[in-house]
PDB file of N, CA and C in Angstrom:
ATOM      1  N   UNK A   1      20.969 -47.145 -46.813  1.00  0.00           N
ATOM      2  CA  UNK A   1      20.949 -46.050 -45.889  1.00  0.00           C
ATOM      3  C   UNK A   1      22.322 -45.868 -45.222  1.00  0.00           C
ATOM      4  N   UNK A   2      23.041 -46.972 -45.022  1.00  0.00           N
ATOM      5  CA  UNK A   2      24.346 -46.884 -44.368  1.00  0.00           C
ATOM      6  C   UNK A   2      25.419 -46.291 -45.264  1.00  0.00           C
ATOM      7  N   UNK A   3      25.429 -46.695 -46.523  1.00  0.00           N
ATOM      8  CA  UNK A   3      26.527 -46.322 -47.401  1.00  0.00           C
ATOM      9  C   UNK A   3      26.026 -46.068 -48.813  1.00  0.00           C
ATOM     10  N   UNK A   4      25.300 -44.951 -49.028  1.00  0.00           N
ATOM     11  CA  UNK A   4      24.736 -44.726 -50.361  1.00  0.00           C
ATOM     12  C   UNK A   4      25.785 -44.607 -51.457  1.00  0.00           C
ATOM     13  N   UNK A   5      26.931 -43.998 -51.170  1.00  0.00           N
ATOM     14  CA  UNK A   5      27.977 -43.895 -52.189  1.00  0.00           C
ATOM     15  C   UNK A   5      28.514 -45.282 -52.517  1.00  0.00           C
ATOM     16  N   UNK A   6      28.761 -46.083 -51.508  1.00  0.00           N
ATOM     17  CA  UNK A   6      29.258 -47.445 -51.727  1.00  0.00           C
ATOM     18  C   UNK A   6      28.274 -48.289 -52.514  1.00  0.00           C
ATOM     19  N   UNK A   7      26.999 -48.136 -52.212  1.00  0.00           N
ATOM     20  CA  UNK A   7      25.985 -48.905 -52.940  1.00  0.00           C
ATOM     21  C   UNK A   7      25.926 -48.494 -54.403  1.00  0.00           C
ATOM     22  N   UNK A   8      26.132 -47.218 -54.680  1.00  0.00           N
ATOM     23  CA  UNK A   8      26.127 -46.752 -56.067  1.00  0.00           C
ATOM     24  C   UNK A   8      27.260 -47.378 -56.858  1.00  0.00           C
ATOM     25  N   UNK A   9      28.319 -47.762 -56.186  1.00  0.00           N
ATOM     26  CA  UNK A   9      29.481 -48.359 -56.845  1.00  0.00           C
ATOM     27  C   UNK A   9      29.500 -49.885 -56.765  1.00  0.00           C
ATOM     28  N   UNK A  10      28.430 -50.464 -56.258  1.00  0.00           N
ATOM     29  CA  UNK A  10      28.360 -51.904 -56.025  1.00  0.00           C
ATOM     30  C   UNK A  10      28.478 -52.734 -57.306  1.00  0.00           C
ATOM     31  N   UNK A  11      28.174 -52.146 -58.469  1.00  0.00           N
ATOM     32  CA  UNK A  11      28.296 -52.902 -59.716  1.00  0.00           C
ATOM     33  C   UNK A  11      29.741 -53.259 -60.045  1.00  0.00           C
ATOM     34  N   UNK A  12      30.688 -52.586 -59.406  1.00  0.00           N
ATOM     35  CA  UNK A  12      32.096 -52.904 -59.628  1.00  0.00           C
ATOM     36  C   UNK A  12      32.538 -53.956 -58.621  1.00  0.00           C
ATOM     37  N   UNK A  13      33.202 -55.002 -59.117  1.00  0.00           N
ATOM     38  CA  UNK A  13      33.682 -56.024 -58.191  1.00  0.00           C
ATOM     39  C   UNK A  13      35.005 -55.587 -57.566  1.00  0.00           C
ATOM     40  N   UNK A  14      35.650 -56.498 -56.856  1.00  0.00           N
ATOM     41  CA  UNK A  14      36.868 -56.168 -56.101  1.00  0.00           C
ATOM     42  C   UNK A  14      38.023 -55.695 -56.984  1.00  0.00           C
ATOM     43  N   UNK A  15      38.031 -56.080 -58.255  1.00  0.00           N
ATOM     44  CA  UNK A  15      39.108 -55.649 -59.155  1.00  0.00           C
ATOM     45  C   UNK A  15      38.622 -54.608 -60.166  1.00  0.00           C
ATOM     46  N   UNK A  16      37.409 -54.075 -59.955  1.00  0.00           N
ATOM     47  CA  UNK A  16      36.912 -52.999 -60.788  1.00  0.00           C
ATOM     48  C   UNK A  16      36.160 -53.422 -62.035  1.00  0.00           C
ATOM     49  N   UNK A  17      35.871 -54.696 -62.164  1.00  0.00           N
ATOM     50  CA  UNK A  17      35.099 -55.164 -63.323  1.00  0.00           C
ATOM     51  C   UNK A  17      33.610 -54.968 -63.073  1.00  0.00           C
ATOM     52  N   UNK A  18      32.883 -54.653 -64.128  1.00  0.00           N
ATOM     53  CA  UNK A  18      31.446 -54.421 -64.012  1.00  0.00           C
ATOM     54  C   UNK A  18      30.713 -55.748 -63.858  1.00  0.00           C
ATOM     55  N   UNK A  19      29.686 -55.741 -63.035  1.00  0.00           N
ATOM     56  CA  UNK A  19      28.827 -56.916 -62.856  1.00  0.00           C
ATOM     57  C   UNK A  19      27.406 -56.429 -62.625  1.00  0.00           C
ATOM     58  N   UNK A  20      26.436 -57.203 -63.089  1.00  0.00           N
ATOM     59  CA  UNK A  20      25.027 -56.860 -62.898  1.00  0.00           C
ATOM     60  C   UNK A  20      24.399 -57.655 -61.762  1.00  0.00           C
ATOM     61  N   UNK A  21      25.045 -58.762 -61.404  1.00  0.00           N
ATOM     62  CA  UNK A  21      24.526 -59.600 -60.315  1.00  0.00           C
ATOM     63  C   UNK A  21      25.659 -60.002 -59.382  1.00  0.00           C
ATOM     64  N   UNK A  22      25.282 -60.361 -58.181  1.00  0.00           N
ATOM     65  CA  UNK A  22      26.229 -60.943 -57.226  1.00  0.00           C
ATOM     66  C   UNK A  22      25.542 -62.145 -56.595  1.00  0.00           C
ATOM     67  N   UNK A  23      26.169 -63.299 -56.735  1.00  0.00           N
ATOM     68  CA  UNK A  23      25.601 -64.559 -56.243  1.00  0.00           C
ATOM     69  C   UNK A  23      24.184 -64.786 -56.777  1.00  0.00           C
ATOM     70  N   UNK A  24      23.985 -64.423 -58.064  1.00  0.00           N
ATOM     71  CA  UNK A  24      22.699 -64.641 -58.715  1.00  0.00           C
ATOM     72  C   UNK A  24      21.626 -63.617 -58.389  1.00  0.00           C
ATOM     73  N   UNK A  25      21.946 -62.618 -57.595  1.00  0.00           N
ATOM     74  CA  UNK A  25      20.971 -61.587 -57.226  1.00  0.00           C
ATOM     75  C   UNK A  25      21.328 -60.290 -57.951  1.00  0.00           C
ATOM     76  N   UNK A  26      20.313 -59.667 -58.560  1.00  0.00           N
ATOM     77  CA  UNK A  26      20.536 -58.406 -59.279  1.00  0.00           C
ATOM     78  C   UNK A  26      20.975 -57.336 -58.278  1.00  0.00           C
ATOM     79  N   UNK A  27      22.028 -56.620 -58.642  1.00  0.00           N
ATOM     80  CA  UNK A  27      22.577 -55.582 -57.769  1.00  0.00           C
ATOM     81  C   UNK A  27      21.683 -54.349 -57.802  1.00  0.00           C
ATOM     82  N   UNK A  28      21.358 -53.847 -56.615  1.00  0.00           N
ATOM     83  CA  UNK A  28      20.562 -52.627 -56.476  1.00  0.00           C
ATOM     84  C   UNK A  28      21.530 -51.492 -56.133  1.00  0.00           C
ATOM     85  N   UNK A  29      21.800 -50.644 -57.107  1.00  0.00           N
ATOM     86  CA  UNK A  29      22.790 -49.578 -56.929  1.00  0.00           C
ATOM     87  C   UNK A  29      22.118 -48.222 -56.708  1.00  0.00           C
ATOM     88  N   UNK A  30      20.878 -48.254 -56.210  1.00  0.00           N
ATOM     89  CA  UNK A  30      20.168 -47.003 -55.951  1.00  0.00           C
ATOM     90  C   UNK A  30      20.569 -46.445 -54.592  1.00  0.00           C
ATOM     91  N   UNK A  31      20.536 -45.131 -54.509  1.00  0.00           N
ATOM     92  CA  UNK A  31      20.832 -44.486 -53.243  1.00  0.00           C
ATOM     93  C   UNK A  31      20.349 -43.058 -53.246  1.00  0.00           C
ATOM     94  N   UNK A  32      20.443 -42.423 -52.095  1.00  0.00           N
ATOM     95  CA  UNK A  32      20.072 -41.015 -51.978  1.00  0.00           C
ATOM     96  C   UNK A  32      20.880 -40.413 -50.843  1.00  0.00           C
ATOM     97  N   UNK A  33      21.337 -39.194 -51.081  1.00  0.00           N
ATOM     98  CA  UNK A  33      22.053 -38.439 -50.061  1.00  0.00           C
ATOM     99  C   UNK A  33      21.403 -37.074 -49.971  1.00  0.00           C
ATOM    100  N   UNK A  34      21.128 -36.616 -48.765  1.00  0.00           N
ATOM    101  CA  UNK A  34      20.465 -35.324 -48.581  1.00  0.00           C
ATOM    102  C   UNK A  34      21.228 -34.209 -49.284  1.00  0.00           C
ATOM    103  N   UNK A  35      22.550 -34.287 -49.240  1.00  0.00           N
ATOM    104  CA  UNK A  35      23.403 -33.260 -49.862  1.00  0.00           C
ATOM    105  C   UNK A  35      23.162 -33.166 -51.364  1.00  0.00           C
ATOM    106  N   UNK A  36      22.828 -34.274 -51.994  1.00  0.00           N
ATOM    107  CA  UNK A  36      22.654 -34.301 -53.455  1.00  0.00           C
ATOM    108  C   UNK A  36      21.214 -34.071 -53.882  1.00  0.00           C
ATOM    109  N   UNK A  37      20.298 -34.108 -52.937  1.00  0.00           N
ATOM    110  CA  UNK A  37      18.890 -33.883 -53.271  1.00  0.00           C
ATOM    111  C   UNK A  37      18.255 -35.112 -53.881  1.00  0.00           C
ATOM    112  N   UNK A  38      18.206 -35.178 -55.190  1.00  0.00           N
ATOM    113  CA  UNK A  38      17.527 -36.258 -55.905  1.00  0.00           C
ATOM    114  C   UNK A  38      18.239 -37.595 -55.723  1.00  0.00           C
ATOM    115  N   UNK A  39      17.485 -38.675 -55.738  1.00  0.00           N
ATOM    116  CA  UNK A  39      18.098 -40.001 -55.665  1.00  0.00           C
ATOM    117  C   UNK A  39      18.906 -40.296 -56.925  1.00  0.00           C
ATOM    118  N   UNK A  40      19.766 -41.297 -56.842  1.00  0.00           N
ATOM    119  CA  UNK A  40      20.578 -41.691 -57.986  1.00  0.00           C
ATOM    120  C   UNK A  40      20.537 -43.200 -58.115  1.00  0.00           C
ATOM    121  N   UNK A  41      20.861 -43.679 -59.316  1.00  0.00           N
ATOM    122  CA  UNK A  41      20.906 -45.113 -59.572  1.00  0.00           C
ATOM    123  C   UNK A  41      22.209 -45.422 -60.285  1.00  0.00           C
ATOM    124  N   UNK A  42      23.173 -45.900 -59.548  1.00  0.00           N
ATOM    125  CA  UNK A  42      24.444 -46.310 -60.123  1.00  0.00           C
ATOM    126  C   UNK A  42      25.490 -45.209 -60.139  1.00  0.00           C
ATOM    127  N   UNK A  43      26.689 -45.579 -60.571  1.00  0.00           N
ATOM    128  CA  UNK A  43      27.821 -44.650 -60.499  1.00  0.00           C
ATOM    129  C   UNK A  43      27.719 -43.456 -61.428  1.00  0.00           C
ATOM    130  N   UNK A  44      27.111 -43.620 -62.596  1.00  0.00           N
ATOM    131  CA  UNK A  44      27.017 -42.501 -63.537  1.00  0.00           C
ATOM    132  C   UNK A  44      26.105 -41.413 -62.970  1.00  0.00           C
ATOM    133  N   UNK A  45      24.945 -41.801 -62.482  1.00  0.00           N
ATOM    134  CA  UNK A  45      24.035 -40.810 -61.898  1.00  0.00           C
ATOM    135  C   UNK A  45      24.631 -40.186 -60.640  1.00  0.00           C
ATOM    136  N   UNK A  46      25.343 -40.964 -59.834  1.00  0.00           N
ATOM    137  CA  UNK A  46      26.000 -40.408 -58.650  1.00  0.00           C
ATOM    138  C   UNK A  46      27.000 -39.335 -59.072  1.00  0.00           C
ATOM    139  N   UNK A  47      27.829 -39.644 -60.054  1.00  0.00           N
ATOM    140  CA  UNK A  47      28.827 -38.685 -60.528  1.00  0.00           C
ATOM    141  C   UNK A  47      28.151 -37.435 -61.085  1.00  0.00           C
ATOM    142  N   UNK A  48      27.056 -37.606 -61.817  1.00  0.00           N
ATOM    143  CA  UNK A  48      26.339 -36.453 -62.365  1.00  0.00           C
ATOM    144  C   UNK A  48      25.769 -35.579 -61.263  1.00  0.00           C
ATOM    145  N   UNK A  49      25.221 -36.200 -60.222  1.00  0.00           N
ATOM    146  CA  UNK A  49      24.649 -35.434 -59.106  1.00  0.00           C
ATOM    147  C   UNK A  49      25.745 -34.682 -58.347  1.00  0.00           C
ATOM    148  N   UNK A  50      26.866 -35.346 -58.107  1.00  0.00           N
ATOM    149  CA  UNK A  50      27.975 -34.696 -57.399  1.00  0.00           C
ATOM    150  C   UNK A  50      28.516 -33.543 -58.243  1.00  0.00           C
ATOM    151  N   UNK A  51      28.746 -33.795 -59.530  1.00  0.00           N
ATOM    152  CA  UNK A  51      29.299 -32.769 -60.416  1.00  0.00           C
ATOM    153  C   UNK A  51      28.390 -31.554 -60.524  1.00  0.00           C
ATOM    154  N   UNK A  52      27.101 -31.723 -60.326  1.00  0.00           N
ATOM    155  CA  UNK A  52      26.152 -30.621 -60.436  1.00  0.00           C
ATOM    156  C   UNK A  52      26.136 -29.724 -59.194  1.00  0.00           C
ATOM    157  N   UNK A  53      26.764 -30.148 -58.112  1.00  0.00           N
ATOM    158  CA  UNK A  53      26.733 -29.343 -56.885  1.00  0.00           C
ATOM    159  C   UNK A  53      27.688 -28.160 -56.988  1.00  0.00           C
ATOM    160  N   UNK A  54      27.312 -27.093 -56.344  1.00  0.00           N
ATOM    161  CA  UNK A  54      28.164 -25.898 -56.313  1.00  0.00           C
ATOM    162  C   UNK A  54      29.487 -26.213 -55.610  1.00  0.00           C
ATOM    163  N   UNK A  55      29.435 -27.067 -54.592  1.00  0.00           N
ATOM    164  CA  UNK A  55      30.641 -27.430 -53.851  1.00  0.00           C
ATOM    165  C   UNK A  55      31.662 -28.130 -54.749  1.00  0.00           C
ATOM    166  N   UNK A  56      31.194 -29.024 -55.613  1.00  0.00           N
ATOM    167  CA  UNK A  56      32.107 -29.733 -56.515  1.00  0.00           C
ATOM    168  C   UNK A  56      32.723 -28.767 -57.523  1.00  0.00           C
ATOM    169  N   UNK A  57      31.922 -27.847 -58.029  1.00  0.00           N
ATOM    170  CA  UNK A  57      32.432 -26.870 -58.990  1.00  0.00           C
ATOM    171  C   UNK A  57      33.451 -25.945 -58.330  1.00  0.00           C
ATOM    172  N   UNK A  58      33.184 -25.563 -57.095  1.00  0.00           N
ATOM    173  CA  UNK A  58      34.114 -24.720 -56.344  1.00  0.00           C
ATOM    174  C   UNK A  58      35.418 -25.471 -56.088  1.00  0.00           C
ATOM    175  N   UNK A  59      35.309 -26.717 -55.702  1.00  0.00           N
ATOM    176  CA  UNK A  59      36.490 -27.553 -55.453  1.00  0.00           C
ATOM    177  C   UNK A  59      37.305 -27.720 -56.734  1.00  0.00           C
ATOM    178  N   UNK A  60      36.628 -27.920 -57.853  1.00  0.00           N
ATOM    179  CA  UNK A  60      37.284 -28.052 -59.151  1.00  0.00           C
ATOM    180  C   UNK A  60      38.119 -26.806 -59.454  1.00  0.00           C
ATOM    181  N   UNK A  61      37.504 -25.635 -59.266  1.00  0.00           N
ATOM    182  CA  UNK A  61      38.208 -24.376 -59.516  1.00  0.00           C
ATOM    183  C   UNK A  61      39.384 -24.203 -58.556  1.00  0.00           C
ATOM    184  N   UNK A  62      39.184 -24.545 -57.285  1.00  0.00           N
ATOM    185  CA  UNK A  62      40.274 -24.421 -56.306  1.00  0.00           C
ATOM    186  C   UNK A  62      41.467 -25.302 -56.668  1.00  0.00           C
ATOM    187  N   UNK A  63      41.194 -26.496 -57.143  1.00  0.00           N
ATOM    188  CA  UNK A  63      42.303 -27.385 -57.530  1.00  0.00           C
ATOM    189  C   UNK A  63      43.046 -26.826 -58.740  1.00  0.00           C
ATOM    190  N   UNK A  64      42.322 -26.224 -59.666  1.00  0.00           N
ATOM    191  CA  UNK A  64      42.995 -25.586 -60.803  1.00  0.00           C
ATOM    192  C   UNK A  64      43.828 -24.402 -60.343  1.00  0.00           C
ATOM    193  N   UNK A  65      43.318 -23.630 -59.376  1.00  0.00           N
ATOM    194  CA  UNK A  65      44.086 -22.514 -58.821  1.00  0.00           C
ATOM    195  C   UNK A  65      45.384 -23.025 -58.196  1.00  0.00           C
ATOM    196  N   UNK A  66      45.285 -24.061 -57.412  1.00  0.00           N
ATOM    197  CA  UNK A  66      46.465 -24.645 -56.770  1.00  0.00           C
ATOM    198  C   UNK A  66      47.478 -25.091 -57.813  1.00  0.00           C
ATOM    199  N   UNK A  67      46.990 -25.731 -58.873  1.00  0.00           N
ATOM    200  CA  UNK A  67      47.878 -26.180 -59.951  1.00  0.00           C
ATOM    201  C   UNK A  67      48.525 -24.985 -60.651  1.00  0.00           C
ATOM    202  N   UNK A  68      47.707 -23.969 -60.974  1.00  0.00           N
ATOM    203  CA  UNK A  68      48.223 -22.799 -61.700  1.00  0.00           C
ATOM    204  C   UNK A  68      49.250 -22.027 -60.881  1.00  0.00           C
ATOM    205  N   UNK A  69      49.041 -21.945 -59.570  1.00  0.00           N
ATOM    206  CA  UNK A  69      49.954 -21.200 -58.703  1.00  0.00           C
ATOM    207  C   UNK A  69      51.162 -22.026 -58.290  1.00  0.00           C
ATOM    208  N   UNK A  70      51.060 -23.328 -58.462  1.00  0.00           N
ATOM    209  CA  UNK A  70      52.178 -24.200 -58.102  1.00  0.00           C
ATOM    210  C   UNK A  70      52.400 -24.302 -56.599  1.00  0.00           C
ATOM    211  N   UNK A  71      51.342 -24.047 -55.829  1.00  0.00           N
ATOM    212  CA  UNK A  71      51.449 -24.113 -54.370  1.00  0.00           C
ATOM    213  C   UNK A  71      50.049 -24.189 -53.773  1.00  0.00           C
ATOM    214  N   UNK A  72      49.991 -24.479 -52.470  1.00  0.00           N
ATOM    215  CA  UNK A  72      48.710 -24.520 -51.777  1.00  0.00           C
ATOM    216  C   UNK A  72      48.137 -23.110 -51.652  1.00  0.00           C
ATOM    217  N   UNK A  73      46.829 -23.013 -51.673  1.00  0.00           N
ATOM    218  CA  UNK A  73      46.172 -21.721 -51.493  1.00  0.00           C
ATOM    219  C   UNK A  73      46.277 -21.295 -50.035  1.00  0.00           C
ATOM    220  N   UNK A  74      46.393 -19.997 -49.808  1.00  0.00           N
ATOM    221  CA  UNK A  74      46.474 -19.448 -48.456  1.00  0.00           C
ATOM    222  C   UNK A  74      45.424 -18.348 -48.324  1.00  0.00           C
ATOM    223  N   UNK A  75      45.185 -17.857 -47.111  1.00  0.00           N
ATOM    224  CA  UNK A  75      44.229 -16.753 -46.940  1.00  0.00           C
ATOM    225  C   UNK A  75      44.585 -15.518 -47.769  1.00  0.00           C
ATOM    226  N   UNK A  76      45.843 -15.329 -48.075  1.00  0.00           N
ATOM    227  CA  UNK A  76      46.284 -14.190 -48.894  1.00  0.00           C
ATOM    228  C   UNK A  76      45.686 -14.271 -50.307  1.00  0.00           C
ATOM    229  N   UNK A  77      45.358 -15.459 -50.744  1.00  0.00           N
ATOM    230  CA  UNK A  77      44.823 -15.677 -52.089  1.00  0.00           C
ATOM    231  C   UNK A  77      43.316 -15.425 -52.186  1.00  0.00           C
ATOM    232  N   UNK A  78      42.692 -15.005 -51.105  1.00  0.00           N
ATOM    233  CA  UNK A  78      41.240 -14.886 -51.052  1.00  0.00           C
ATOM    234  C   UNK A  78      40.663 -14.078 -52.222  1.00  0.00           C
ATOM    235  N   UNK A  79      41.246 -12.947 -52.519  1.00  0.00           N
ATOM    236  CA  UNK A  79      40.721 -12.103 -53.607  1.00  0.00           C
ATOM    237  C   UNK A  79      40.818 -12.807 -54.962  1.00  0.00           C
ATOM    238  N   UNK A  80      41.939 -13.439 -55.216  1.00  0.00           N
ATOM    239  CA  UNK A  80      42.099 -14.162 -56.487  1.00  0.00           C
ATOM    240  C   UNK A  80      41.141 -15.341 -56.566  1.00  0.00           C
ATOM    241  N   UNK A  81      40.965 -16.035 -55.450  1.00  0.00           N
ATOM    242  CA  UNK A  81      40.040 -17.173 -55.417  1.00  0.00           C
ATOM    243  C   UNK A  81      38.623 -16.685 -55.717  1.00  0.00           C
ATOM    244  N   UNK A  82      38.216 -15.597 -55.075  1.00  0.00           N
ATOM    245  CA  UNK A  82      36.875 -15.054 -55.313  1.00  0.00           C
ATOM    246  C   UNK A  82      36.717 -14.591 -56.762  1.00  0.00           C
ATOM    247  N   UNK A  83      37.739 -13.951 -57.305  1.00  0.00           N
ATOM    248  CA  UNK A  83      37.711 -13.505 -58.700  1.00  0.00           C
ATOM    249  C   UNK A  83      37.467 -14.690 -59.635  1.00  0.00           C
ATOM    250  N   UNK A  84      38.232 -15.756 -59.437  1.00  0.00           N
ATOM    251  CA  UNK A  84      38.118 -16.933 -60.308  1.00  0.00           C
ATOM    252  C   UNK A  84      36.793 -17.653 -60.066  1.00  0.00           C
ATOM    253  N   UNK A  85      36.420 -17.847 -58.796  1.00  0.00           N
ATOM    254  CA  UNK A  85      35.172 -18.554 -58.476  1.00  0.00           C
ATOM    255  C   UNK A  85      33.964 -17.810 -59.055  1.00  0.00           C
ATOM    256  N   UNK A  86      33.917 -16.485 -58.865  1.00  0.00           N
ATOM    257  CA  UNK A  86      32.784 -15.701 -59.369  1.00  0.00           C
ATOM    258  C   UNK A  86      32.732 -15.710 -60.897  1.00  0.00           C
ATOM    259  N   UNK A  87      33.872 -15.561 -61.537  1.00  0.00           N
ATOM    260  CA  UNK A  87      33.907 -15.600 -62.996  1.00  0.00           C
ATOM    261  C   UNK A  87      33.515 -16.957 -63.554  1.00  0.00           C
ATOM    262  N   UNK A  88      33.950 -18.014 -62.874  1.00  0.00           N
ATOM    263  CA  UNK A  88      33.604 -19.383 -63.285  1.00  0.00           C
ATOM    264  C   UNK A  88      32.092 -19.575 -63.195  1.00  0.00           C
ATOM    265  N   UNK A  89      31.486 -19.111 -62.112  1.00  0.00           N
ATOM    266  CA  UNK A  89      30.037 -19.219 -61.951  1.00  0.00           C
ATOM    267  C   UNK A  89      29.310 -18.402 -63.017  1.00  0.00           C
ATOM    268  N   UNK A  90      29.768 -17.161 -63.264  1.00  0.00           N
ATOM    269  CA  UNK A  90      29.123 -16.298 -64.263  1.00  0.00           C
ATOM    270  C   UNK A  90      29.214 -16.882 -65.666  1.00  0.00           C
ATOM    271  N   UNK A  91      30.243 -17.679 -65.925  1.00  0.00           N
ATOM    272  CA  UNK A  91      30.408 -18.288 -67.249  1.00  0.00           C
ATOM    273  C   UNK A  91      29.519 -19.519 -67.424  1.00  0.00           C
ATOM    274  N   UNK A  92      28.767 -19.868 -66.376  1.00  0.00           N
ATOM    275  CA  UNK A  92      27.966 -21.090 -66.448  1.00  0.00           C
ATOM    276  C   UNK A  92      28.829 -22.313 -66.199  1.00  0.00           C
ATOM    277  N   UNK A  93      29.931 -22.106 -65.477  1.00  0.00           N
ATOM    278  CA  UNK A  93      30.894 -23.154 -65.131  1.00  0.00           C
ATOM    279  C   UNK A  93      31.547 -23.748 -66.371  1.00  0.00           C
ATOM    280  N   UNK A  94      31.926 -22.868 -67.269  1.00  0.00           N
ATOM    281  CA  UNK A  94      32.620 -23.245 -68.498  1.00  0.00           C
ATOM    282  C   UNK A  94      34.114 -23.424 -68.193  1.00  0.00           C
ATOM    283  N   UNK A  95      34.654 -24.579 -68.493  1.00  0.00           N
ATOM    284  CA  UNK A  95      36.048 -24.888 -68.155  1.00  0.00           C
ATOM    285  C   UNK A  95      37.022 -23.997 -68.928  1.00  0.00           C
ATOM    286  N   UNK A  96      36.745 -23.706 -70.181  1.00  0.00           N
ATOM    287  CA  UNK A  96      37.627 -22.809 -70.943  1.00  0.00           C
ATOM    288  C   UNK A  96      37.677 -21.432 -70.291  1.00  0.00           C
ATOM    289  N   UNK A  97      36.525 -20.953 -69.841  1.00  0.00           N
ATOM    290  CA  UNK A  97      36.491 -19.658 -69.152  1.00  0.00           C
ATOM    291  C   UNK A  97      37.289 -19.730 -67.851  1.00  0.00           C
ATOM    292  N   UNK A  98      37.180 -20.839 -67.130  1.00  0.00           N
ATOM    293  CA  UNK A  98      37.941 -21.017 -65.889  1.00  0.00           C
ATOM    294  C   UNK A  98      39.440 -20.904 -66.157  1.00  0.00           C
ATOM    295  N   UNK A  99      39.912 -21.592 -67.177  1.00  0.00           N
ATOM    296  CA  UNK A  99      41.343 -21.570 -67.481  1.00  0.00           C
ATOM    297  C   UNK A  99      41.801 -20.174 -67.884  1.00  0.00           C
ATOM    298  N   UNK A 100      40.964 -19.459 -68.606  1.00  0.00           N
ATOM    299  CA  UNK A 100      41.296 -18.074 -68.961  1.00  0.00           C
ATOM    300  C   UNK A 100      41.332 -17.204 -67.708  1.00  0.00           C
ATOM    301  N   UNK A 101      40.338 -17.358 -66.847  1.00  0.00           N
ATOM    302  CA  UNK A 101      40.287 -16.582 -65.599  1.00  0.00           C
ATOM    303  C   UNK A 101      41.534 -16.818 -64.734  1.00  0.00           C
ATOM    304  N   UNK A 102      41.995 -18.055 -64.711  1.00  0.00           N
ATOM    305  CA  UNK A 102      43.193 -18.372 -63.910  1.00  0.00           C
ATOM    306  C   UNK A 102      44.371 -17.511 -64.329  1.00  0.00           C
ATOM    307  N   UNK A 103      44.486 -17.277 -65.605  1.00  0.00           N
ATOM    308  CA  UNK A 103      45.635 -16.514 -66.111  1.00  0.00           C
ATOM    309  C   UNK A 103      45.443 -15.009 -65.983  1.00  0.00           C
ATOM    310  N   UNK A 104      44.245 -14.582 -65.580  1.00  0.00           N
ATOM    311  CA  UNK A 104      43.953 -13.158 -65.453  1.00  0.00           C
ATOM    312  C   UNK A 104      44.002 -12.669 -64.008  1.00  0.00           C
ATOM    313  N   UNK A 105      44.159 -13.583 -63.043  1.00  0.00           N
ATOM    314  CA  UNK A 105      44.203 -13.156 -61.638  1.00  0.00           C
ATOM    315  C   UNK A 105      45.560 -12.515 -61.335  1.00  0.00           C
ATOM    316  N   UNK A 106      45.559 -11.550 -60.431  1.00  0.00           N
ATOM    317  CA  UNK A 106      46.809 -10.893 -60.047  1.00  0.00           C
ATOM    318  C   UNK A 106      47.826 -11.889 -59.515  1.00  0.00           C
ATOM    319  N   UNK A 107      47.355 -12.861 -58.764  1.00  0.00           N
ATOM    320  CA  UNK A 107      48.280 -13.845 -58.189  1.00  0.00           C
ATOM    321  C   UNK A 107      49.017 -14.602 -59.277  1.00  0.00           C
ATOM    322  N   UNK A 108      48.311 -14.950 -60.349  1.00  0.00           N
ATOM    323  CA  UNK A 108      48.955 -15.658 -61.452  1.00  0.00           C
ATOM    324  C   UNK A 108      49.871 -14.717 -62.235  1.00  0.00           C
ATOM    325  N   UNK A 109      49.385 -13.519 -62.509  1.00  0.00           N
ATOM    326  CA  UNK A 109      50.159 -12.567 -63.307  1.00  0.00           C
ATOM    327  C   UNK A 109      51.469 -12.163 -62.635  1.00  0.00           C
ATOM    328  N   UNK A 110      51.480 -12.183 -61.302  1.00  0.00           N
ATOM    329  CA  UNK A 110      52.662 -11.776 -60.564  1.00  0.00           C
ATOM    330  C   UNK A 110      53.279 -12.902 -59.747  1.00  0.00           C
ATOM    331  N   UNK A 111      53.227 -14.104 -60.306  1.00  0.00           N
ATOM    332  CA  UNK A 111      53.826 -15.273 -59.624  1.00  0.00           C
ATOM    333  C   UNK A 111      55.308 -15.021 -59.387  1.00  0.00           C
ATOM    334  N   UNK A 112      55.752 -15.386 -58.220  1.00  0.00           N
ATOM    335  CA  UNK A 112      57.165 -15.254 -57.892  1.00  0.00           C
ATOM    336  C   UNK A 112      57.946 -16.366 -58.578  1.00  0.00           C
ATOM    337  N   UNK A 113      59.117 -16.033 -59.077  1.00  0.00           N
ATOM    338  CA  UNK A 113      59.974 -17.048 -59.685  1.00  0.00           C
ATOM    339  C   UNK A 113      60.966 -17.591 -58.673  1.00  0.00           C
ATOM    340  N   UNK A 114      61.072 -16.938 -57.530  1.00  0.00           N
ATOM    341  CA  UNK A 114      62.018 -17.358 -56.496  1.00  0.00           C
ATOM    342  C   UNK A 114      61.455 -18.575 -55.759  1.00  0.00           C
ATOM    343  N   UNK A 115      62.335 -19.510 -55.453  1.00  0.00           N
ATOM    344  CA  UNK A 115      61.960 -20.679 -54.655  1.00  0.00           C
ATOM    345  C   UNK A 115      62.009 -20.275 -53.195  1.00  0.00           C
ATOM    346  N   UNK A 116      60.899 -20.515 -52.502  1.00  0.00           N
ATOM    347  CA  UNK A 116      60.838 -20.135 -51.080  1.00  0.00           C
ATOM    348  C   UNK A 116      61.201 -21.285 -50.202  1.00  0.00           C
TER     349      UNK A 116
END
């Protein structure tokens, strides 16, 4: 209840090696977070639950936008962000479609070459 994300990762020891027990006791890597809805068991299920959230998909697209533009997003980018986010959602969150959408936004098409 205190640290569901940490418990999901409990199978990894201090140096990142996988373990099934600690001090002879089987590790219980189950957890639940209200934000994720369904409970999870271990790091793979946690990652799957997080990846399935709309927030994670939106964050993924935003990071690609930042990379494509070569700068942090600003309020001026709102229209381009909405264009890419909506298209990404309509594609069923297809990564190839996301990358294509990035190159079709006005902000990308008219990137400044001048260093500010």
